[in-house]
């Protein structure tokens, strides 16, 4: 809105200067490129073209009103002026539009895991901070794929396929307000509203649902506020339970969690 307001002010300033100070050969009308550029940058190519048309109209109107300029508007010059202003508005609008789309895509990718498409560690940290601010009870589940190294020995693509299948299954079984992310090499984290359930029950239920689809995953859990009132404490509690359950099941942890430093 600030740039649009600046564009309107620029039209007014350039038009006023053109009416008061323009003389043959001075070229104040070239400053109409400034508001045209601002409109195109903010609103895109279509509005940039409209801004070019407006600049042409104001330029021609200034020629008629300014007593120091020939009052007749040459058709050829007017057409050239229109093409120039409109072309500038369209070109800058297209560039600005594509640049915004690229920035939006980069911002989206910065919060996404490249293999599974799930939110990554950075996005999940933001999600857990939002939950902590709400102060409502929730569970943090941290899951680790069992024996992923065996799949990786067959080829990295097999391990990546297992990660994608697990991500798809978690998305299929999630509730509308659950947050799911990939937070490590073979680790996934889930934030779940408790709603009267306990975190352990949710972890075991999730494991069972995944086993029905042929995926073996072990989960640790932590409850807010019982197991901690900040992200670090909750991750530590969930990771300790995950480690203990992996050891009890005869599985080895593939890597340490990377969610918090």
C-alpha atoms as a PDB file:
ATOM      1  CA  UNK A   1       0.000   0.000   0.000  1.00  0.00           C
ATOM      2  CA  UNK A   2       2.900   2.351   0.709  1.00  0.00           C
ATOM      3  CA  UNK A   3       4.276   1.940  -2.810  1.00  0.00           C
ATOM      4  CA  UNK A   4       0.830   2.438  -4.347  1.00  0.00           C
ATOM      5  CA  UNK A   5       0.398   5.627  -2.341  1.00  0.00           C
ATOM      6  CA  UNK A   6       3.831   6.706  -3.519  1.00  0.00           C
ATOM      7  CA  UNK A   7       2.792   5.974  -7.111  1.00  0.00           C
ATOM      8  CA  UNK A   8      -0.324   8.150  -6.773  1.00  0.00           C
ATOM      9  CA  UNK A   9       1.764  10.940  -5.253  1.00  0.00           C
ATOM     10  CA  UNK A  10       4.297  10.559  -8.081  1.00  0.00           C
ATOM     11  CA  UNK A  11       1.584  10.944 -10.721  1.00  0.00           C
ATOM     12  CA  UNK A  12       0.408  14.101  -8.958  1.00  0.00           C
ATOM     13  CA  UNK A  13       3.910  15.572  -8.586  1.00  0.00           C
ATOM     14  CA  UNK A  14       4.977  14.841 -12.152  1.00  0.00           C
ATOM     15  CA  UNK A  15       1.694  16.194 -13.555  1.00  0.00           C
ATOM     16  CA  UNK A  16       1.976  19.389 -11.497  1.00  0.00           C
ATOM     17  CA  UNK A  17       5.603  19.904 -12.534  1.00  0.00           C
ATOM     18  CA  UNK A  18       4.696  19.226 -16.160  1.00  0.00           C
ATOM     19  CA  UNK A  19       1.910  21.823 -16.125  1.00  0.00           C
ATOM     20  CA  UNK A  20       4.008  24.479 -14.402  1.00  0.00           C
ATOM     21  CA  UNK A  21       7.550  24.027 -15.670  1.00  0.00           C
ATOM     22  CA  UNK A  22       7.566  21.950 -18.837  1.00  0.00           C
ATOM     23  CA  UNK A  23       9.020  23.713 -21.873  1.00  0.00           C
ATOM     24  CA  UNK A  24       9.735  22.378 -25.348  1.00  0.00           C
ATOM     25  CA  UNK A  25      12.626  19.929 -25.102  1.00  0.00           C
ATOM     26  CA  UNK A  26      12.823  19.894 -21.272  1.00  0.00           C
ATOM     27  CA  UNK A  27      11.433  16.341 -20.844  1.00  0.00           C
ATOM     28  CA  UNK A  28       9.663  16.426 -17.484  1.00  0.00           C
ATOM     29  CA  UNK A  29       7.181  13.923 -18.885  1.00  0.00           C
ATOM     30  CA  UNK A  30       9.837  11.236 -18.778  1.00  0.00           C
ATOM     31  CA  UNK A  31       9.386  11.152 -15.005  1.00  0.00           C
ATOM     32  CA  UNK A  32       6.044   9.402 -15.565  1.00  0.00           C
ATOM     33  CA  UNK A  33       8.165   6.254 -15.763  1.00  0.00           C
ATOM     34  CA  UNK A  34       8.511   6.483 -11.964  1.00  0.00           C
ATOM     35  CA  UNK A  35       4.813   5.981 -11.059  1.00  0.00           C
ATOM     36  CA  UNK A  36       4.375   3.476 -13.895  1.00  0.00           C
ATOM     37  CA  UNK A  37       7.252   1.439 -12.465  1.00  0.00           C
ATOM     38  CA  UNK A  38       5.827   1.598  -8.940  1.00  0.00           C
ATOM     39  CA  UNK A  39       2.366   0.465 -10.049  1.00  0.00           C
ATOM     40  CA  UNK A  40       3.814  -2.402 -12.105  1.00  0.00           C
ATOM     41  CA  UNK A  41       6.107  -3.506  -9.294  1.00  0.00           C
ATOM     42  CA  UNK A  42       3.286  -3.669  -6.766  1.00  0.00           C
ATOM     43  CA  UNK A  43       0.305  -4.814  -8.843  1.00  0.00           C
ATOM     44  CA  UNK A  44       1.739  -6.778 -11.781  1.00  0.00           C
ATOM     45  CA  UNK A  45       1.759  -6.444 -15.587  1.00  0.00           C
ATOM     46  CA  UNK A  46      -1.946  -5.727 -16.145  1.00  0.00           C
ATOM     47  CA  UNK A  47      -1.991  -2.795 -13.734  1.00  0.00           C
ATOM     48  CA  UNK A  48       1.427  -1.763 -15.031  1.00  0.00           C
ATOM     49  CA  UNK A  49      -0.117  -1.446 -18.488  1.00  0.00           C
ATOM     50  CA  UNK A  50      -2.977   0.589 -17.023  1.00  0.00           C
ATOM     51  CA  UNK A  51      -0.427   2.806 -15.327  1.00  0.00           C
ATOM     52  CA  UNK A  52       1.234   3.339 -18.693  1.00  0.00           C
ATOM     53  CA  UNK A  53      -2.084   4.338 -20.263  1.00  0.00           C
ATOM     54  CA  UNK A  54      -2.740   6.796 -17.428  1.00  0.00           C
ATOM     55  CA  UNK A  55       0.722   8.318 -17.872  1.00  0.00           C
ATOM     56  CA  UNK A  56       0.032   8.806 -21.585  1.00  0.00           C
ATOM     57  CA  UNK A  57      -3.326  10.465 -20.890  1.00  0.00           C
ATOM     58  CA  UNK A  58      -1.808  12.816 -18.296  1.00  0.00           C
ATOM     59  CA  UNK A  59       1.084  13.655 -20.623  1.00  0.00           C
ATOM     60  CA  UNK A  60      -1.257  14.544 -23.474  1.00  0.00           C
ATOM     61  CA  UNK A  61      -3.525  16.477 -21.132  1.00  0.00           C
ATOM     62  CA  UNK A  62      -0.532  18.443 -19.929  1.00  0.00           C
ATOM     63  CA  UNK A  63       0.378  19.364 -23.507  1.00  0.00           C
ATOM     64  CA  UNK A  64      -3.094  20.774 -24.024  1.00  0.00           C
ATOM     65  CA  UNK A  65      -3.194  22.721 -20.743  1.00  0.00           C
ATOM     66  CA  UNK A  66       0.402  24.000 -20.510  1.00  0.00           C
ATOM     67  CA  UNK A  67       0.421  27.395 -22.241  1.00  0.00           C
ATOM     68  CA  UNK A  68       4.137  27.120 -23.083  1.00  0.00           C
ATOM     69  CA  UNK A  69       3.682  24.018 -25.217  1.00  0.00           C
ATOM     70  CA  UNK A  70       2.060  23.575 -28.633  1.00  0.00           C
ATOM     71  CA  UNK A  71      -1.551  22.742 -27.815  1.00  0.00           C
ATOM     72  CA  UNK A  72      -1.943  20.148 -30.562  1.00  0.00           C
ATOM     73  CA  UNK A  73      -1.230  16.503 -29.728  1.00  0.00           C
ATOM     74  CA  UNK A  74       0.651  14.709 -32.505  1.00  0.00           C
ATOM     75  CA  UNK A  75      -0.881  11.294 -33.108  1.00  0.00           C
ATOM     76  CA  UNK A  76       2.392   9.562 -33.933  1.00  0.00           C
ATOM     77  CA  UNK A  77       4.152  10.929 -30.853  1.00  0.00           C
ATOM     78  CA  UNK A  78       1.189  10.001 -28.696  1.00  0.00           C
ATOM     79  CA  UNK A  79       1.205   6.417 -30.018  1.00  0.00           C
ATOM     80  CA  UNK A  80       4.960   6.086 -29.414  1.00  0.00           C
ATOM     81  CA  UNK A  81       4.508   7.484 -25.919  1.00  0.00           C
ATOM     82  CA  UNK A  82       1.701   5.012 -25.201  1.00  0.00           C
ATOM     83  CA  UNK A  83       3.712   2.039 -26.456  1.00  0.00           C
ATOM     84  CA  UNK A  84       6.740   3.091 -24.402  1.00  0.00           C
ATOM     85  CA  UNK A  85       4.885   3.600 -21.124  1.00  0.00           C
ATOM     86  CA  UNK A  86       2.723   0.500 -21.480  1.00  0.00           C
ATOM     87  CA  UNK A  87       5.666  -1.690 -22.494  1.00  0.00           C
ATOM     88  CA  UNK A  88       7.618  -0.521 -19.482  1.00  0.00           C
ATOM     89  CA  UNK A  89       4.692  -1.228 -17.179  1.00  0.00           C
ATOM     90  CA  UNK A  90       4.178  -4.731 -18.594  1.00  0.00           C
ATOM     91  CA  UNK A  91       7.854  -5.692 -18.531  1.00  0.00           C
ATOM     92  CA  UNK A  92       8.430  -4.529 -14.973  1.00  0.00           C
ATOM     93  CA  UNK A  93       5.137  -6.099 -13.866  1.00  0.00           C
ATOM     94  CA  UNK A  94       6.085  -9.474 -15.353  1.00  0.00           C
ATOM     95  CA  UNK A  95       9.518  -9.352 -13.757  1.00  0.00           C
ATOM     96  CA  UNK A  96       8.113  -8.377 -10.347  1.00  0.00           C
ATOM     97  CA  UNK A  97       5.412 -11.055 -10.522  1.00  0.00           C
ATOM     98  CA  UNK A  98       7.890 -13.807 -11.400  1.00  0.00           C
ATOM     99  CA  UNK A  99      10.286 -12.603  -8.726  1.00  0.00           C
ATOM    100  CA  UNK A 100       7.546 -12.725  -6.060  1.00  0.00           C
ATOM    101  CA  UNK A 101       6.559 -16.236  -7.165  1.00  0.00           C
ATOM    102  CA  UNK A 102      10.195 -17.345  -6.914  1.00  0.00           C
ATOM    103  CA  UNK A 103      10.580 -15.828  -3.447  1.00  0.00           C
ATOM    104  CA  UNK A 104       7.348 -17.504  -2.288  1.00  0.00           C
ATOM    105  CA  UNK A 105       8.539 -20.855  -3.611  1.00  0.00           C
ATOM    106  CA  UNK A 106      11.931 -20.492  -1.943  1.00  0.00           C
ATOM    107  CA  UNK A 107      10.226 -19.577   1.327  1.00  0.00           C
ATOM    108  CA  UNK A 108       8.012 -22.646   1.052  1.00  0.00           C
ATOM    109  CA  UNK A 109      10.961 -24.925   0.291  1.00  0.00           C
ATOM    110  CA  UNK A 110      12.920 -23.495   3.223  1.00  0.00           C
ATOM    111  CA  UNK A 111      10.300 -25.003   5.554  1.00  0.00           C
ATOM    112  CA  UNK A 112       9.929 -28.339   3.741  1.00  0.00           C
ATOM    113  CA  UNK A 113      11.876 -31.566   3.756  1.00  0.00           C
ATOM    114  CA  UNK A 114      13.178 -32.298   0.268  1.00  0.00           C
ATOM    115  CA  UNK A 115      12.459 -36.062   0.358  1.00  0.00           C
ATOM    116  CA  UNK A 116       9.063 -36.335   2.045  1.00  0.00           C
ATOM    117  CA  UNK A 117       7.611 -32.871   1.469  1.00  0.00           C
ATOM    118  CA  UNK A 118       6.752 -32.657   5.166  1.00  0.00           C
ATOM    119  CA  UNK A 119       7.612 -29.617   7.273  1.00  0.00           C
ATOM    120  CA  UNK A 120      11.248 -29.725   8.360  1.00  0.00           C
ATOM    121  CA  UNK A 121      12.918 -29.047  11.694  1.00  0.00           C
ATOM    122  CA  UNK A 122      12.689 -25.293  11.344  1.00  0.00           C
ATOM    123  CA  UNK A 123       8.960 -25.354  10.607  1.00  0.00           C
ATOM    124  CA  UNK A 124       8.339 -27.850  13.408  1.00  0.00           C
ATOM    125  CA  UNK A 125      10.134 -25.675  15.925  1.00  0.00           C
ATOM    126  CA  UNK A 126       7.763 -22.859  15.009  1.00  0.00           C
ATOM    127  CA  UNK A 127       4.811 -25.217  15.423  1.00  0.00           C
ATOM    128  CA  UNK A 128       5.818 -26.342  18.900  1.00  0.00           C
ATOM    129  CA  UNK A 129       6.446 -22.751  19.970  1.00  0.00           C
ATOM    130  CA  UNK A 130       2.896 -21.885  18.902  1.00  0.00           C
ATOM    131  CA  UNK A 131       1.577 -24.783  20.984  1.00  0.00           C
ATOM    132  CA  UNK A 132       3.552 -23.634  24.001  1.00  0.00           C
ATOM    133  CA  UNK A 133       2.156 -20.135  23.667  1.00  0.00           C
ATOM    134  CA  UNK A 134      -1.405 -21.514  23.598  1.00  0.00           C
ATOM    135  CA  UNK A 135      -0.752 -23.308  26.909  1.00  0.00           C
ATOM    136  CA  UNK A 136      -3.168 -26.132  26.033  1.00  0.00           C
ATOM    137  CA  UNK A 137      -2.158 -29.703  26.858  1.00  0.00           C
ATOM    138  CA  UNK A 138      -0.523 -31.567  23.971  1.00  0.00           C
ATOM    139  CA  UNK A 139       1.748 -34.519  23.300  1.00  0.00           C
ATOM    140  CA  UNK A 140       5.025 -34.618  21.421  1.00  0.00           C
ATOM    141  CA  UNK A 141       5.656 -37.955  19.697  1.00  0.00           C
ATOM    142  CA  UNK A 142       9.106 -38.627  18.284  1.00  0.00           C
ATOM    143  CA  UNK A 143       9.328 -41.666  16.014  1.00  0.00           C
ATOM    144  CA  UNK A 144      12.332 -43.506  14.626  1.00  0.00           C
ATOM    145  CA  UNK A 145      12.117 -46.009  11.729  1.00  0.00           C
ATOM    146  CA  UNK A 146      13.288 -49.432  12.876  1.00  0.00           C
ATOM    147  CA  UNK A 147      16.361 -50.773  11.072  1.00  0.00           C
ATOM    148  CA  UNK A 148      16.335 -48.218   8.256  1.00  0.00           C
ATOM    149  CA  UNK A 149      20.021 -48.984   7.717  1.00  0.00           C
ATOM    150  CA  UNK A 150      19.055 -52.382   6.265  1.00  0.00           C
ATOM    151  CA  UNK A 151      17.072 -50.650   3.529  1.00  0.00           C
ATOM    152  CA  UNK A 152      19.875 -48.170   2.897  1.00  0.00           C
ATOM    153  CA  UNK A 153      22.282 -51.054   2.376  1.00  0.00           C
ATOM    154  CA  UNK A 154      20.130 -52.152  -0.557  1.00  0.00           C
ATOM    155  CA  UNK A 155      20.399 -48.662  -2.020  1.00  0.00           C
ATOM    156  CA  UNK A 156      19.690 -45.150  -0.827  1.00  0.00           C
ATOM    157  CA  UNK A 157      16.561 -44.998  -2.976  1.00  0.00           C
ATOM    158  CA  UNK A 158      15.015 -47.820  -0.925  1.00  0.00           C
ATOM    159  CA  UNK A 159      15.536 -45.855   2.269  1.00  0.00           C
ATOM    160  CA  UNK A 160      14.085 -42.715   0.680  1.00  0.00           C
ATOM    161  CA  UNK A 161      11.034 -44.695  -0.468  1.00  0.00           C
ATOM    162  CA  UNK A 162      10.511 -45.916   3.102  1.00  0.00           C
ATOM    163  CA  UNK A 163      10.643 -42.323   4.355  1.00  0.00           C
ATOM    164  CA  UNK A 164       8.092 -41.216   1.780  1.00  0.00           C
ATOM    165  CA  UNK A 165       5.735 -44.094   2.562  1.00  0.00           C
ATOM    166  CA  UNK A 166       5.885 -43.307   6.256  1.00  0.00           C
ATOM    167  CA  UNK A 167       5.254 -39.624   5.610  1.00  0.00           C
ATOM    168  CA  UNK A 168       2.231 -40.473   3.450  1.00  0.00           C
ATOM    169  CA  UNK A 169       0.866 -42.827   6.108  1.00  0.00           C
ATOM    170  CA  UNK A 170       1.282 -40.264   8.868  1.00  0.00           C
ATOM    171  CA  UNK A 171      -0.525 -37.677   6.752  1.00  0.00           C
ATOM    172  CA  UNK A 172      -3.336 -40.158   6.080  1.00  0.00           C
ATOM    173  CA  UNK A 173      -3.917 -40.898   9.766  1.00  0.00           C
ATOM    174  CA  UNK A 174      -3.384 -37.378  11.124  1.00  0.00           C
ATOM    175  CA  UNK A 175      -6.152 -35.289  12.612  1.00  0.00           C
ATOM    176  CA  UNK A 176      -6.833 -31.818  11.285  1.00  0.00           C
ATOM    177  CA  UNK A 177      -4.902 -30.049  14.031  1.00  0.00           C
ATOM    178  CA  UNK A 178      -1.912 -32.428  14.205  1.00  0.00           C
ATOM    179  CA  UNK A 179       1.529 -31.148  13.197  1.00  0.00           C
ATOM    180  CA  UNK A 180       3.850 -33.654  11.490  1.00  0.00           C
ATOM    181  CA  UNK A 181       7.452 -33.146  10.414  1.00  0.00           C
ATOM    182  CA  UNK A 182      10.609 -34.976   9.488  1.00  0.00           C
ATOM    183  CA  UNK A 183      13.157 -33.828  12.052  1.00  0.00           C
ATOM    184  CA  UNK A 184      16.157 -36.062  11.381  1.00  0.00           C
ATOM    185  CA  UNK A 185      17.585 -38.738   9.111  1.00  0.00           C
ATOM    186  CA  UNK A 186      14.930 -41.317   9.935  1.00  0.00           C
ATOM    187  CA  UNK A 187      13.035 -39.419  12.621  1.00  0.00           C
ATOM    188  CA  UNK A 188       9.576 -37.971  12.510  1.00  0.00           C
ATOM    189  CA  UNK A 189       7.823 -35.827  15.099  1.00  0.00           C
ATOM    190  CA  UNK A 190       4.126 -35.316  15.725  1.00  0.00           C
ATOM    191  CA  UNK A 191       2.311 -32.768  17.855  1.00  0.00           C
ATOM    192  CA  UNK A 192      -1.070 -34.045  19.013  1.00  0.00           C
ATOM    193  CA  UNK A 193      -3.764 -32.408  21.137  1.00  0.00           C
ATOM    194  CA  UNK A 194      -4.413 -34.704  24.094  1.00  0.00           C
ATOM    195  CA  UNK A 195      -8.207 -34.318  24.492  1.00  0.00           C
ATOM    196  CA  UNK A 196      -8.306 -36.593  27.520  1.00  0.00           C
ATOM    197  CA  UNK A 197      -5.891 -39.190  26.112  1.00  0.00           C
ATOM    198  CA  UNK A 198      -2.428 -39.798  27.485  1.00  0.00           C
ATOM    199  CA  UNK A 199       0.680 -39.436  25.329  1.00  0.00           C
ATOM    200  CA  UNK A 200       1.794 -43.058  25.757  1.00  0.00           C
ATOM    201  CA  UNK A 201      -1.518 -44.378  24.461  1.00  0.00           C
ATOM    202  CA  UNK A 202      -1.279 -42.113  21.414  1.00  0.00           C
ATOM    203  CA  UNK A 203       2.275 -43.267  20.721  1.00  0.00           C
ATOM    204  CA  UNK A 204       1.401 -46.964  20.949  1.00  0.00           C
ATOM    205  CA  UNK A 205      -1.735 -46.482  18.844  1.00  0.00           C
ATOM    206  CA  UNK A 206       0.277 -44.711  16.169  1.00  0.00           C
ATOM    207  CA  UNK A 207       2.836 -47.540  16.123  1.00  0.00           C
ATOM    208  CA  UNK A 208       0.057 -50.112  15.698  1.00  0.00           C
ATOM    209  CA  UNK A 209      -1.561 -48.187  12.856  1.00  0.00           C
ATOM    210  CA  UNK A 210       1.769 -47.984  11.062  1.00  0.00           C
ATOM    211  CA  UNK A 211       2.499 -51.695  11.543  1.00  0.00           C
ATOM    212  CA  UNK A 212      -0.834 -52.523   9.910  1.00  0.00           C
ATOM    213  CA  UNK A 213       0.492 -50.771   6.807  1.00  0.00           C
ATOM    214  CA  UNK A 214       3.757 -52.715   6.967  1.00  0.00           C
ATOM    215  CA  UNK A 215       5.928 -50.048   8.586  1.00  0.00           C
ATOM    216  CA  UNK A 216       7.867 -50.580  11.794  1.00  0.00           C
ATOM    217  CA  UNK A 217       8.389 -47.376  13.758  1.00  0.00           C
ATOM    218  CA  UNK A 218       9.127 -46.865  17.442  1.00  0.00           C
ATOM    219  CA  UNK A 219       7.838 -43.761  19.205  1.00  0.00           C
ATOM    220  CA  UNK A 220       8.822 -41.916  22.322  1.00  0.00           C
ATOM    221  CA  UNK A 221       6.534 -39.374  23.880  1.00  0.00           C
ATOM    222  CA  UNK A 222       6.305 -36.347  26.138  1.00  0.00           C
ATOM    223  CA  UNK A 223       3.336 -34.434  27.506  1.00  0.00           C
ATOM    224  CA  UNK A 224       2.978 -30.719  28.026  1.00  0.00           C
ATOM    225  CA  UNK A 225       3.090 -29.503  30.742  1.00  0.00           C
ATOM    226  CA  UNK A 226       3.803 -32.691  32.741  1.00  0.00           C
ATOM    227  CA  UNK A 227       7.140 -33.527  31.081  1.00  0.00           C
ATOM    228  CA  UNK A 228       8.346 -29.986  30.536  1.00  0.00           C
ATOM    229  CA  UNK A 229       7.280 -26.455  29.780  1.00  0.00           C
ATOM    230  CA  UNK A 230       9.668 -25.728  26.937  1.00  0.00           C
ATOM    231  CA  UNK A 231      10.644 -27.401  23.680  1.00  0.00           C
ATOM    232  CA  UNK A 232      14.026 -28.643  24.890  1.00  0.00           C
ATOM    233  CA  UNK A 233      12.601 -30.390  27.950  1.00  0.00           C
ATOM    234  CA  UNK A 234       9.854 -32.041  25.911  1.00  0.00           C
ATOM    235  CA  UNK A 235      12.281 -33.274  23.252  1.00  0.00           C
ATOM    236  CA  UNK A 236      14.602 -34.693  25.877  1.00  0.00           C
ATOM    237  CA  UNK A 237      11.776 -36.560  27.595  1.00  0.00           C
ATOM    238  CA  UNK A 238      10.427 -37.943  24.317  1.00  0.00           C
ATOM    239  CA  UNK A 239      13.911 -38.919  23.131  1.00  0.00           C
ATOM    240  CA  UNK A 240      14.736 -40.734  26.374  1.00  0.00           C
ATOM    241  CA  UNK A 241      11.579 -42.814  26.084  1.00  0.00           C
ATOM    242  CA  UNK A 242      12.282 -43.464  22.411  1.00  0.00           C
ATOM    243  CA  UNK A 243      15.827 -44.622  23.180  1.00  0.00           C
ATOM    244  CA  UNK A 244      14.647 -46.913  25.995  1.00  0.00           C
ATOM    245  CA  UNK A 245      11.958 -48.497  23.825  1.00  0.00           C
ATOM    246  CA  UNK A 246      14.363 -48.977  20.907  1.00  0.00           C
ATOM    247  CA  UNK A 247      16.817 -50.745  23.205  1.00  0.00           C
ATOM    248  CA  UNK A 248      14.042 -52.896  24.678  1.00  0.00           C
ATOM    249  CA  UNK A 249      12.944 -53.875  21.200  1.00  0.00           C
ATOM    250  CA  UNK A 250      16.473 -54.737  20.104  1.00  0.00           C
ATOM    251  CA  UNK A 251      16.712 -51.884  17.621  1.00  0.00           C
ATOM    252  CA  UNK A 252      19.585 -49.467  17.220  1.00  0.00           C
ATOM    253  CA  UNK A 253      19.165 -45.717  16.900  1.00  0.00           C
ATOM    254  CA  UNK A 254      20.338 -44.538  13.469  1.00  0.00           C
ATOM    255  CA  UNK A 255      21.247 -41.002  14.549  1.00  0.00           C
ATOM    256  CA  UNK A 256      20.772 -38.564  17.357  1.00  0.00           C
ATOM    257  CA  UNK A 257      17.807 -36.195  17.054  1.00  0.00           C
ATOM    258  CA  UNK A 258      18.461 -32.892  15.316  1.00  0.00           C
ATOM    259  CA  UNK A 259      15.401 -30.956  16.423  1.00  0.00           C
ATOM    260  CA  UNK A 260      17.073 -28.878  19.086  1.00  0.00           C
ATOM    261  CA  UNK A 261      20.666 -27.881  19.610  1.00  0.00           C
END
